[in-house]
């Protein structure tokens, strides 16, 4: 990294000036655009009105882009010993713009005044389908203020610490609640998502953006990010770090199962309410692919793996269209493992000359040097996770209840 362009320890006053310039400059530019739209249309679009989806997408992408930029700065070490960094300015400016617009779109016309006079009562009176977004924006704002105090008094987090900082966890949760706000609003509309991909764009964005945040806070439990040496086994060779087979296997399996649960939940949130239009699943799975690509400091191999996974899931849409939800979700979880294993096949030749070997009574095979039992068992276990979660989401009807 070029330290002349990205100094690791810049002077405080310069950073504060830079933060203020970027933060207020971006918001000023956004305000000008909004003012021009207001003059032309007479009002900004509210929920369900033309151009509402476009506004949510533009502002939401700004906020999400800020998260990716700030996360990359932390992961790559391009951070300063202060809260007032350019990366925070971009992220928080996007959050401010998105939050302000969502409050405008959600709060009734006569509620703006009461929001100032009676904020708690006004927020409590908001329709249930809109509360998640409002509460998420409030939580993000409070966590952002807490993050500033945390940074300035206790220092800046690095490595895995950035995922476990209390203020950061609050930011992640608030962001995920806020970006999924349009999805929860659409959930209450029985006609939403019925008119093809265009009608599902905001829904897909909300889920996808939340997934990007989830990938970030579970990096320590994601095998896509772990070097092969940390979970492979080579029979006591010099490449893999684990001389004890069970240690590497346990680490790899924990990471696989965590991501199986995460991907199952995201997909089930979608299909529990809507039938994905052609292309919706592909776009949804591109979100974590881009997140993984950025968090890995632009590892193109991981991006290609994510794209391959998105294609496989999209091709499996006919299974879902035939009502096979309990089969489709295991396809999602298993295909992730399959893509990951296949992607390592050609690279495994770098550390072992044989595609298999026998140790005692166990047959060890590519790509990780796990036994044949564990290699195929990993696929079965992830499929089992997907099936269990799908049964919980779509349980058998209870006899005697009306509507079953």
Protein backbone atom coordinates (compact mmCIF):
# COMPACT_ATOMS: atom_id res chain seq x y z
CA UNK A 1 0.00 0.00 0.00
CA UNK A 2 1.33 3.42 -0.93
CA UNK A 3 1.73 5.25 2.39
CA UNK A 4 2.09 8.58 0.61
CA UNK A 5 -1.44 8.18 -0.74
CA UNK A 6 -2.89 6.40 2.27
CA UNK A 7 -1.00 7.40 5.41
CA UNK A 8 -1.58 5.05 8.32
CA UNK A 9 -1.14 7.78 10.92
CA UNK A 10 -2.16 11.21 9.68
CA UNK A 11 -2.44 14.31 11.78
CA UNK A 12 -5.71 14.78 13.65
CA UNK A 13 -6.66 18.30 12.46
CA UNK A 14 -6.17 17.35 8.80
CA UNK A 15 -8.35 14.29 9.26
CA UNK A 16 -11.06 16.26 11.02
CA UNK A 17 -11.06 18.79 8.18
CA UNK A 18 -11.11 15.98 5.65
CA UNK A 19 -13.99 14.25 7.43
CA UNK A 20 -16.03 17.44 7.60
CA UNK A 21 -15.35 18.33 3.98
CA UNK A 22 -16.30 14.91 2.64
CA UNK A 23 -19.28 14.37 4.95
CA UNK A 24 -20.94 17.75 4.49
CA UNK A 25 -19.82 18.04 0.87
CA UNK A 26 -21.52 14.79 -0.09
CA UNK A 27 -24.67 15.73 1.83
CA UNK A 28 -24.70 19.18 0.21
CA UNK A 29 -24.49 17.62 -3.24
CA UNK A 30 -27.30 15.21 -2.35
CA UNK A 31 -29.39 18.10 -1.01
CA UNK A 32 -28.99 19.99 -4.30
CA UNK A 33 -30.13 16.96 -6.29
CA UNK A 34 -33.09 16.43 -3.98
CA UNK A 35 -34.03 20.13 -4.20
CA UNK A 36 -34.02 19.97 -8.01
CA UNK A 37 -36.20 16.86 -7.90
CA UNK A 38 -38.55 18.57 -5.47
CA UNK A 39 -38.90 21.63 -7.68
CA UNK A 40 -39.61 19.49 -10.73
CA UNK A 41 -42.02 17.01 -9.12
CA UNK A 42 -43.44 19.12 -6.30
CA UNK A 43 -42.64 16.39 -3.75
CA UNK A 44 -40.32 13.49 -3.19
CA UNK A 45 -41.78 10.01 -3.70
CA UNK A 46 -43.15 8.15 -0.73
CA UNK A 47 -43.63 4.41 -0.33
CA UNK A 48 -45.42 2.90 -3.33
CA UNK A 49 -45.10 6.01 -5.51
CA UNK A 50 -43.12 6.25 -8.77
CA UNK A 51 -39.35 6.62 -8.33
CA UNK A 52 -39.49 5.50 -4.68
CA UNK A 53 -37.60 2.31 -5.54
CA UNK A 54 -34.99 4.29 -7.47
CA UNK A 55 -34.42 6.65 -4.54
CA UNK A 56 -34.04 3.75 -2.13
CA UNK A 57 -31.60 1.98 -4.45
CA UNK A 58 -29.40 5.02 -5.05
CA UNK A 59 -29.20 6.05 -1.40
CA UNK A 60 -28.97 2.46 -0.21
CA UNK A 61 -26.09 1.73 -2.58
CA UNK A 62 -24.32 4.84 -1.27
CA UNK A 63 -24.66 3.58 2.29
CA UNK A 64 -23.63 0.03 1.35
CA UNK A 65 -20.70 1.32 -0.70
CA UNK A 66 -19.55 3.32 2.30
CA UNK A 67 -19.63 0.17 4.42
CA UNK A 68 -17.49 -1.72 1.90
CA UNK A 69 -14.99 1.15 1.68
CA UNK A 70 -14.70 1.47 5.45
CA UNK A 71 -14.45 -2.30 5.96
CA UNK A 72 -11.73 -2.54 3.33
CA UNK A 73 -9.83 0.28 5.05
CA UNK A 74 -9.90 -1.61 8.35
CA UNK A 75 -9.07 -5.01 6.84
CA UNK A 76 -6.18 -3.71 4.75
CA UNK A 77 -4.77 -1.58 7.57
CA UNK A 78 -5.52 1.76 5.87
CA UNK A 79 -6.90 3.30 9.06
CA UNK A 80 -5.99 6.14 11.37
CA UNK A 81 -6.00 6.46 15.13
CA UNK A 82 -9.19 8.50 15.04
CA UNK A 83 -12.86 8.23 14.19
CA UNK A 84 -12.66 11.15 11.73
CA UNK A 85 -11.42 9.30 8.64
CA UNK A 86 -12.47 9.83 5.00
CA UNK A 87 -13.88 6.30 4.97
CA UNK A 88 -16.18 7.03 7.90
CA UNK A 89 -17.24 10.28 6.23
CA UNK A 90 -18.43 8.46 3.09
CA UNK A 91 -20.21 5.75 5.08
CA UNK A 92 -21.93 8.05 7.56
CA UNK A 93 -22.93 10.54 4.88
CA UNK A 94 -24.69 7.72 3.02
CA UNK A 95 -26.35 6.58 6.23
CA UNK A 96 -27.54 10.12 6.97
CA UNK A 97 -28.98 10.60 3.48
CA UNK A 98 -30.67 7.20 3.47
CA UNK A 99 -32.03 7.63 6.99
CA UNK A 100 -33.39 11.10 6.29
CA UNK A 101 -35.17 9.91 3.17
CA UNK A 102 -36.64 6.82 4.85
CA UNK A 103 -38.03 8.97 7.66
CA UNK A 104 -39.55 11.28 5.05
CA UNK A 105 -41.04 8.35 3.12
CA UNK A 106 -42.44 6.62 6.20
CA UNK A 107 -43.61 9.42 8.50
CA UNK A 108 -47.06 10.77 7.48
CA UNK A 109 -47.27 14.35 6.25
CA UNK A 110 -48.78 15.52 9.51
CA UNK A 111 -46.30 13.50 11.53
CA UNK A 112 -43.18 15.58 10.93
CA UNK A 113 -44.21 18.22 13.43
CA UNK A 114 -45.27 15.65 16.02
CA UNK A 115 -41.95 13.83 15.46
CA UNK A 116 -40.20 16.89 16.86
CA UNK A 117 -42.73 17.53 19.65
CA UNK A 118 -43.47 13.91 20.64
CA UNK A 119 -40.79 11.70 19.05
CA UNK A 120 -41.48 8.53 21.05
CA UNK A 121 -45.25 8.60 20.56
CA UNK A 122 -44.89 9.35 16.84
CA UNK A 123 -42.43 6.52 16.26
CA UNK A 124 -44.60 4.09 18.22
CA UNK A 125 -47.58 5.00 16.02
CA UNK A 126 -45.75 3.99 12.83
CA UNK A 127 -47.22 0.93 11.08
CA UNK A 128 -45.52 -2.33 12.18
CA UNK A 129 -44.13 -3.06 8.70
CA UNK A 130 -42.19 0.23 8.78
CA UNK A 131 -40.84 0.08 12.33
CA UNK A 132 -37.86 -2.15 11.58
CA UNK A 133 -36.40 0.47 9.25
CA UNK A 134 -37.01 3.37 11.63
CA UNK A 135 -35.58 1.51 14.61
CA UNK A 136 -32.62 0.43 12.50
CA UNK A 137 -31.83 4.02 11.52
CA UNK A 138 -32.06 5.15 15.15
CA UNK A 139 -29.86 2.27 16.31
CA UNK A 140 -27.30 3.05 13.62
CA UNK A 141 -27.21 6.71 14.64
CA UNK A 142 -26.76 5.92 18.34
CA UNK A 143 -24.13 3.29 17.55
CA UNK A 144 -22.33 5.75 15.28
CA UNK A 145 -22.13 8.26 18.12
CA UNK A 146 -20.93 5.47 20.40
CA UNK A 147 -18.38 4.41 17.78
CA UNK A 148 -16.95 7.92 17.75
CA UNK A 149 -16.53 7.90 21.54
CA UNK A 150 -15.12 4.35 21.43
CA UNK A 151 -12.52 5.23 18.77
CA UNK A 152 -11.44 8.45 20.39
CA UNK A 153 -11.08 6.98 23.89
CA UNK A 154 -10.10 3.34 23.34
CA UNK A 155 -8.42 3.40 19.93
CA UNK A 156 -9.16 1.90 16.51
CA UNK A 157 -9.89 -1.79 16.07
CA UNK A 158 -7.91 -3.96 13.68
CA UNK A 159 -8.14 -7.55 12.44
CA UNK A 160 -11.00 -9.63 13.91
CA UNK A 161 -11.51 -6.99 16.60
CA UNK A 162 -13.43 -4.82 14.15
CA UNK A 163 -16.11 -7.53 13.97
CA UNK A 164 -16.52 -7.75 17.73
CA UNK A 165 -16.46 -4.10 18.80
CA UNK A 166 -19.81 -3.41 20.56
CA UNK A 167 -20.27 -0.16 18.64
CA UNK A 168 -19.58 -1.91 15.33
CA UNK A 169 -22.05 -4.68 16.13
CA UNK A 170 -24.69 -2.01 16.77
CA UNK A 171 -23.80 -0.38 13.44
CA UNK A 172 -24.10 -3.70 11.60
CA UNK A 173 -27.47 -4.54 13.17
CA UNK A 174 -28.83 -1.04 12.57
CA UNK A 175 -27.67 -1.10 8.96
CA UNK A 176 -29.25 -4.51 8.31
CA UNK A 177 -32.54 -3.43 9.86
CA UNK A 178 -32.57 -0.19 7.87
CA UNK A 179 -31.62 -1.57 4.45
CA UNK A 180 -34.28 -4.28 4.76
CA UNK A 181 -36.94 -1.65 5.54
CA UNK A 182 -38.30 -1.62 1.95
CA UNK A 183 -38.52 -5.41 2.06
CA UNK A 184 -40.61 -5.40 5.24
CA UNK A 185 -42.82 -2.68 3.78
CA UNK A 186 -43.32 -4.82 0.66
CA UNK A 187 -44.02 -7.85 2.85
CA UNK A 188 -47.24 -6.24 4.05
CA UNK A 189 -48.37 -5.47 0.49
CA UNK A 190 -50.08 -8.54 -0.94
CA UNK A 191 -49.43 -7.36 -4.51
CA UNK A 192 -45.71 -6.74 -4.09
CA UNK A 193 -43.14 -8.70 -6.06
CA UNK A 194 -45.61 -10.16 -8.54
CA UNK A 195 -44.57 -8.34 -11.70
CA UNK A 196 -41.21 -9.88 -12.50
CA UNK A 197 -37.70 -8.82 -11.60
CA UNK A 198 -38.45 -5.09 -11.64
CA UNK A 199 -41.00 -5.49 -8.86
CA UNK A 200 -38.47 -7.38 -6.72
CA UNK A 201 -35.46 -5.08 -7.13
CA UNK A 202 -35.84 -3.28 -3.79
CA UNK A 203 -36.58 -6.57 -2.03
CA UNK A 204 -33.45 -8.17 -3.47
CA UNK A 205 -31.38 -5.11 -2.62
CA UNK A 206 -32.53 -5.10 1.00
CA UNK A 207 -31.77 -8.78 1.51
CA UNK A 208 -28.52 -8.59 -0.44
CA UNK A 209 -27.24 -5.55 1.45
CA UNK A 210 -28.07 -7.20 4.78
CA UNK A 211 -26.24 -10.31 3.58
CA UNK A 212 -23.14 -8.23 2.83
CA UNK A 213 -23.20 -7.00 6.43
CA UNK A 214 -23.73 -10.54 7.73
CA UNK A 215 -20.76 -11.82 5.73
CA UNK A 216 -18.62 -9.12 7.32
CA UNK A 217 -19.53 -9.91 10.93
CA UNK A 218 -19.03 -13.67 10.34
CA UNK A 219 -15.67 -13.43 8.58
CA UNK A 220 -14.04 -15.39 11.39
CA UNK A 221 -16.48 -18.25 10.64
CA UNK A 222 -16.21 -18.23 6.84
CA UNK A 223 -14.01 -20.86 5.23
CA UNK A 224 -13.80 -18.80 2.02
CA UNK A 225 -11.43 -16.43 3.83
CA UNK A 226 -9.28 -18.97 5.63
CA UNK A 227 -5.99 -19.93 3.99
CA UNK A 228 -5.96 -23.57 2.90
CA UNK A 229 -3.15 -24.29 5.37
CA UNK A 230 -5.44 -23.57 8.33
CA UNK A 231 -7.94 -26.35 7.65
CA UNK A 232 -6.20 -28.83 5.31
CA UNK A 233 -4.30 -31.97 6.31
CA UNK A 234 -1.29 -33.46 4.53
CA UNK A 235 -0.37 -36.36 6.76
CA UNK A 236 2.35 -34.54 8.64
CA UNK A 237 3.82 -32.72 5.64
CA UNK A 238 5.24 -29.24 5.61
CA UNK A 239 2.36 -27.36 3.93
CA UNK A 240 -0.67 -27.68 6.23
CA UNK A 241 -0.46 -26.12 9.67
CA UNK A 242 -2.35 -28.86 11.48
CA UNK A 243 -0.40 -31.96 12.40
CA UNK A 244 -3.51 -33.26 14.12
CA UNK A 245 -6.15 -34.11 11.52
CA UNK A 246 -9.18 -33.37 13.72
CA UNK A 247 -8.04 -29.80 14.39
CA UNK A 248 -8.08 -28.76 10.74
CA UNK A 249 -11.27 -30.68 10.03
CA UNK A 250 -13.09 -29.12 12.98
CA UNK A 251 -12.13 -25.58 11.93
CA UNK A 252 -13.22 -26.17 8.35
CA UNK A 253 -16.53 -27.80 9.28
CA UNK A 254 -17.49 -25.05 11.75
CA UNK A 255 -16.97 -22.43 9.06
CA UNK A 256 -18.93 -24.42 6.46
CA UNK A 257 -21.90 -24.97 8.77
CA UNK A 258 -22.07 -21.31 9.87
CA UNK A 259 -22.30 -20.17 6.26
CA UNK A 260 -24.86 -22.90 5.50
CA UNK A 261 -27.09 -21.46 8.21
CA UNK A 262 -26.59 -17.87 7.01
CA UNK A 263 -27.36 -18.64 3.35
CA UNK A 264 -30.40 -20.75 4.34
CA UNK A 265 -31.89 -17.93 6.39
CA UNK A 266 -31.39 -15.32 3.65
CA UNK A 267 -32.95 -17.50 0.95
CA UNK A 268 -35.85 -18.55 3.16
CA UNK A 269 -36.66 -14.95 4.04
CA UNK A 270 -37.10 -14.39 0.31
CA UNK A 271 -39.01 -17.51 -0.71
CA UNK A 272 -41.15 -17.52 2.44
CA UNK A 273 -42.99 -14.52 1.02
CA UNK A 274 -42.25 -14.28 -2.72
CA UNK A 275 -41.57 -16.51 -5.68
CA UNK A 276 -38.26 -15.24 -7.12
CA UNK A 277 -38.50 -13.85 -10.63
CA UNK A 278 -35.98 -14.93 -13.22
CA UNK A 279 -32.71 -13.21 -12.38
CA UNK A 280 -33.63 -12.24 -8.79
CA UNK A 281 -31.72 -15.08 -7.16
CA UNK A 282 -28.65 -14.46 -9.31
CA UNK A 283 -28.56 -10.77 -8.33
CA UNK A 284 -29.20 -11.64 -4.67
CA UNK A 285 -26.20 -13.99 -4.58
CA UNK A 286 -24.00 -11.47 -6.36
CA UNK A 287 -24.20 -9.27 -3.26
CA UNK A 288 -22.25 -11.65 -0.97
CA UNK A 289 -19.88 -12.39 -3.87
CA UNK A 290 -19.00 -8.69 -4.11
CA UNK A 291 -18.76 -8.40 -0.34
CA UNK A 292 -16.40 -11.37 -0.14
CA UNK A 293 -14.35 -9.93 -3.00
CA UNK A 294 -13.89 -6.59 -1.22
CA UNK A 295 -13.29 -8.11 2.22
CA UNK A 296 -10.63 -10.41 0.75
CA UNK A 297 -8.83 -7.34 -0.65
CA UNK A 298 -10.08 -8.06 -4.18
CA UNK A 299 -9.32 -11.75 -4.52
CA UNK A 300 -10.66 -12.46 -8.01
CA UNK A 301 -10.76 -16.22 -7.38
CA UNK A 302 -13.30 -15.69 -4.59
CA UNK A 303 -15.36 -13.38 -6.79
CA UNK A 304 -15.51 -16.04 -9.52
CA UNK A 305 -16.52 -18.63 -6.93
CA UNK A 306 -19.35 -16.38 -5.77
CA UNK A 307 -20.53 -15.82 -9.34
CA UNK A 308 -20.45 -19.58 -10.01
CA UNK A 309 -22.55 -20.16 -6.89
CA UNK A 310 -25.04 -17.49 -8.02
CA UNK A 311 -25.38 -19.17 -11.43
CA UNK A 312 -26.01 -22.60 -9.89
CA UNK A 313 -28.70 -21.24 -7.57
CA UNK A 314 -30.38 -19.37 -10.42
CA UNK A 315 -30.39 -22.53 -12.55
CA UNK A 316 -32.12 -24.31 -9.67
CA UNK A 317 -35.11 -21.94 -9.80
CA UNK A 318 -37.35 -24.51 -11.61
CA UNK A 319 -37.06 -26.74 -8.54
CA UNK A 320 -38.51 -23.93 -6.44
CA UNK A 321 -41.18 -23.14 -9.01
CA UNK A 322 -42.40 -26.73 -8.71
CA UNK A 323 -42.93 -26.18 -4.99
CA UNK A 324 -39.89 -28.18 -3.85
CA UNK A 325 -38.77 -25.72 -1.17
CA UNK A 326 -37.37 -28.48 1.06
CA UNK A 327 -35.17 -29.56 -1.85
CA UNK A 328 -34.19 -26.11 -3.11
CA UNK A 329 -32.70 -24.82 0.15
CA UNK A 330 -30.38 -27.86 0.56
CA UNK A 331 -29.33 -27.24 -3.06
CA UNK A 332 -28.26 -23.73 -2.02
CA UNK A 333 -26.25 -24.87 0.99
CA UNK A 334 -24.66 -27.88 -0.73
CA UNK A 335 -23.74 -26.05 -3.93
CA UNK A 336 -21.77 -23.50 -1.88
CA UNK A 337 -19.60 -26.31 -0.50
CA UNK A 338 -19.34 -27.94 -3.92
CA UNK A 339 -18.17 -24.74 -5.57
CA UNK A 340 -15.62 -24.19 -2.82
CA UNK A 341 -14.23 -27.72 -3.05
CA UNK A 342 -14.03 -27.76 -6.84
CA UNK A 343 -12.29 -24.39 -6.86
CA UNK A 344 -9.51 -25.82 -4.70
CA UNK A 345 -8.91 -28.95 -6.80
CA UNK A 346 -6.45 -27.38 -9.21
CA UNK A 347 -4.70 -25.39 -6.48
CA UNK A 348 -4.23 -28.41 -4.22
CA UNK A 349 -1.63 -29.74 -6.62
CA UNK A 350 0.65 -26.99 -5.32
CA UNK A 351 1.18 -28.85 -2.03
CA UNK A 352 0.56 -32.52 -2.73
CA UNK A 353 1.54 -34.74 -5.66
CA UNK A 354 -1.10 -37.42 -5.08
CA UNK A 355 -4.84 -36.91 -5.26
CA UNK A 356 -5.31 -39.45 -2.46
CA UNK A 357 -3.39 -41.47 0.08
CA UNK A 358 -4.21 -44.05 2.73
CA UNK A 359 -3.35 -43.38 6.35
CA UNK A 360 -4.12 -46.31 8.59
CA UNK A 361 -7.55 -47.46 7.46
CA UNK A 362 -8.67 -44.03 6.19
CA UNK A 363 -8.61 -42.82 2.61
CA UNK A 364 -7.63 -39.11 2.39
CA UNK A 365 -8.54 -37.26 -0.81
CA UNK A 366 -8.45 -33.89 -2.53
CA UNK A 367 -9.03 -31.03 -2.15
CA UNK A 368 -8.38 -30.63 1.61
CA UNK A 369 -6.78 -33.91 2.51
CA UNK A 370 -9.83 -34.81 4.59
CA UNK A 371 -10.91 -38.44 4.67
CA UNK A 372 -13.45 -39.60 2.14
CA UNK A 373 -15.97 -39.78 4.97
CA UNK A 374 -15.52 -36.12 5.96
CA UNK A 375 -15.26 -34.84 2.37
CA UNK A 376 -18.63 -36.22 1.35
CA UNK A 377 -20.01 -35.81 4.86
CA UNK A 378 -19.43 -32.06 4.62
CA UNK A 379 -21.77 -31.94 1.62
CA UNK A 380 -24.38 -34.03 3.41
CA UNK A 381 -24.16 -31.99 6.62
CA UNK A 382 -24.66 -28.68 4.79
CA UNK A 383 -27.59 -30.18 2.88
CA UNK A 384 -29.01 -31.36 6.21
CA UNK A 385 -28.69 -27.84 7.65
CA UNK A 386 -30.58 -26.44 4.66
CA UNK A 387 -33.29 -29.07 4.98
CA UNK A 388 -33.78 -28.52 8.73
CA UNK A 389 -34.04 -24.74 8.33
CA UNK A 390 -36.50 -25.14 5.45
CA UNK A 391 -38.70 -27.45 7.54
CA UNK A 392 -38.73 -24.86 10.31
CA UNK A 393 -39.74 -22.16 7.80
CA UNK A 394 -42.31 -24.39 6.07
CA UNK A 395 -43.56 -26.81 8.73
CA UNK A 396 -46.40 -29.29 8.10
CA UNK A 397 -49.84 -27.79 8.73
CA UNK A 398 -51.31 -28.22 12.21
CA UNK A 399 -54.51 -30.30 12.00
CA UNK A 400 -57.69 -28.50 12.89
CA UNK A 401 -56.48 -24.95 12.34
CA UNK A 402 -58.50 -22.83 9.93
CA UNK A 403 -56.74 -22.03 6.69
CA UNK A 404 -54.57 -25.18 6.73
